[in-house]
Amino acid sequence: MEEYVKGAEPDRWHWCKNCKQYPRVVIQRRNWRPSSDLCDECLDIEKIELRKIAAT
């Protein structure tokens, strides 16, 4: 199960721990994907991983 975390404002929601913007201090946590305010870098990492899975 993925965990979505957010640091201090104006941070966005992260779920990829290898994201450069992943917060060192987590202020909020949730187990479901937020509908908005998602980290662009985490989205890009997720797309790359999904392409790798689809290519196998």
C-alpha atoms as a PDB file:
ATOM      1  CA  MET A   1       0.000   0.000   0.000  1.00  0.00           C
ATOM      2  CA  GLU A   2       1.339   3.404  -0.938  1.00  0.00           C
ATOM      3  CA  GLU A   3       1.571   6.113   1.641  1.00  0.00           C
ATOM      4  CA  TYR A   4       1.096   9.732   0.635  1.00  0.00           C
ATOM      5  CA  VAL A   5       2.939  12.316   2.698  1.00  0.00           C
ATOM      6  CA  LYS A   6       3.111  16.068   2.844  1.00  0.00           C
ATOM      7  CA  GLY A   7       5.597  18.352   4.535  1.00  0.00           C
ATOM      8  CA  ALA A   8       5.086  21.907   5.712  1.00  0.00           C
ATOM      9  CA  GLU A   9       3.030  24.233   3.514  1.00  0.00           C
ATOM     10  CA  PRO A  10       3.223  24.939   0.632  1.00  0.00           C
ATOM     11  CA  ASP A  11       4.385  21.348   0.064  1.00  0.00           C
ATOM     12  CA  ARG A  12       2.497  18.943  -2.194  1.00  0.00           C
ATOM     13  CA  TRP A  13       1.640  15.240  -1.750  1.00  0.00           C
ATOM     14  CA  HIS A  14       4.525  12.793  -2.311  1.00  0.00           C
ATOM     15  CA  TRP A  15       4.668   8.992  -2.529  1.00  0.00           C
ATOM     16  CA  CYS A  16       7.973   8.245  -4.290  1.00  0.00           C
ATOM     17  CA  LYS A  17      10.711   8.152  -1.679  1.00  0.00           C
ATOM     18  CA  ASN A  18      13.372   8.770  -4.316  1.00  0.00           C
ATOM     19  CA  CYS A  19      11.761  12.136  -5.179  1.00  0.00           C
ATOM     20  CA  LYS A  20      14.163  15.027  -4.535  1.00  0.00           C
ATOM     21  CA  GLN A  21      11.297  17.001  -2.985  1.00  0.00           C
ATOM     22  CA  TYR A  22      10.201  14.214  -0.589  1.00  0.00           C
ATOM     23  CA  PRO A  23       9.810  15.877   2.830  1.00  0.00           C
ATOM     24  CA  ARG A  24      12.306  15.152   5.592  1.00  0.00           C
ATOM     25  CA  VAL A  25       9.682  16.091   8.159  1.00  0.00           C
ATOM     26  CA  VAL A  26       6.225  14.690   7.441  1.00  0.00           C
ATOM     27  CA  ILE A  27       3.305  16.834   8.609  1.00  0.00           C
ATOM     28  CA  GLN A  28       0.444  14.814   7.056  1.00  0.00           C
ATOM     29  CA  ARG A  29       0.042  11.160   6.055  1.00  0.00           C
ATOM     30  CA  ARG A  30      -2.683   9.248   4.266  1.00  0.00           C
ATOM     31  CA  ASN A  31      -3.143   5.854   2.641  1.00  0.00           C
ATOM     32  CA  TRP A  32      -5.319   6.985  -0.259  1.00  0.00           C
ATOM     33  CA  ARG A  33      -4.348   9.090  -3.258  1.00  0.00           C
ATOM     34  CA  PRO A  34      -5.359  12.744  -2.932  1.00  0.00           C
ATOM     35  CA  SER A  35      -7.395  14.111  -5.825  1.00  0.00           C
ATOM     36  CA  SER A  36      -5.219  17.217  -6.184  1.00  0.00           C
ATOM     37  CA  ASP A  37      -1.990  18.888  -5.131  1.00  0.00           C
ATOM     38  CA  LEU A  38       0.230  15.972  -6.225  1.00  0.00           C
ATOM     39  CA  CYS A  39       3.981  16.362  -6.642  1.00  0.00           C
ATOM     40  CA  ASP A  40       5.001  16.746 -10.307  1.00  0.00           C
ATOM     41  CA  GLU A  41       8.268  14.879  -9.764  1.00  0.00           C
ATOM     42  CA  CYS A  42       6.486  11.934  -8.106  1.00  0.00           C
ATOM     43  CA  LEU A  43       4.061  11.842 -11.055  1.00  0.00           C
ATOM     44  CA  ASP A  44       6.990  11.758 -13.502  1.00  0.00           C
ATOM     45  CA  ILE A  45       8.734   8.975 -11.544  1.00  0.00           C
ATOM     46  CA  GLU A  46       5.477   7.005 -11.478  1.00  0.00           C
ATOM     47  CA  LYS A  47       5.037   7.357 -15.264  1.00  0.00           C
ATOM     48  CA  ILE A  48       8.594   6.126 -15.889  1.00  0.00           C
ATOM     49  CA  GLU A  49       8.050   3.104 -13.634  1.00  0.00           C
ATOM     50  CA  LEU A  50       4.744   2.270 -15.341  1.00  0.00           C
ATOM     51  CA  ARG A  51       6.434   2.418 -18.767  1.00  0.00           C
ATOM     52  CA  LYS A  52       9.134   0.021 -17.538  1.00  0.00           C
ATOM     53  CA  ILE A  53       6.467  -2.429 -16.323  1.00  0.00           C
ATOM     54  CA  ALA A  54       4.516  -2.154 -19.588  1.00  0.00           C
ATOM     55  CA  ALA A  55       7.678  -2.820 -21.628  1.00  0.00           C
ATOM     56  CA  THR A  56       8.351  -6.162 -19.927  1.00  0.00           C
END
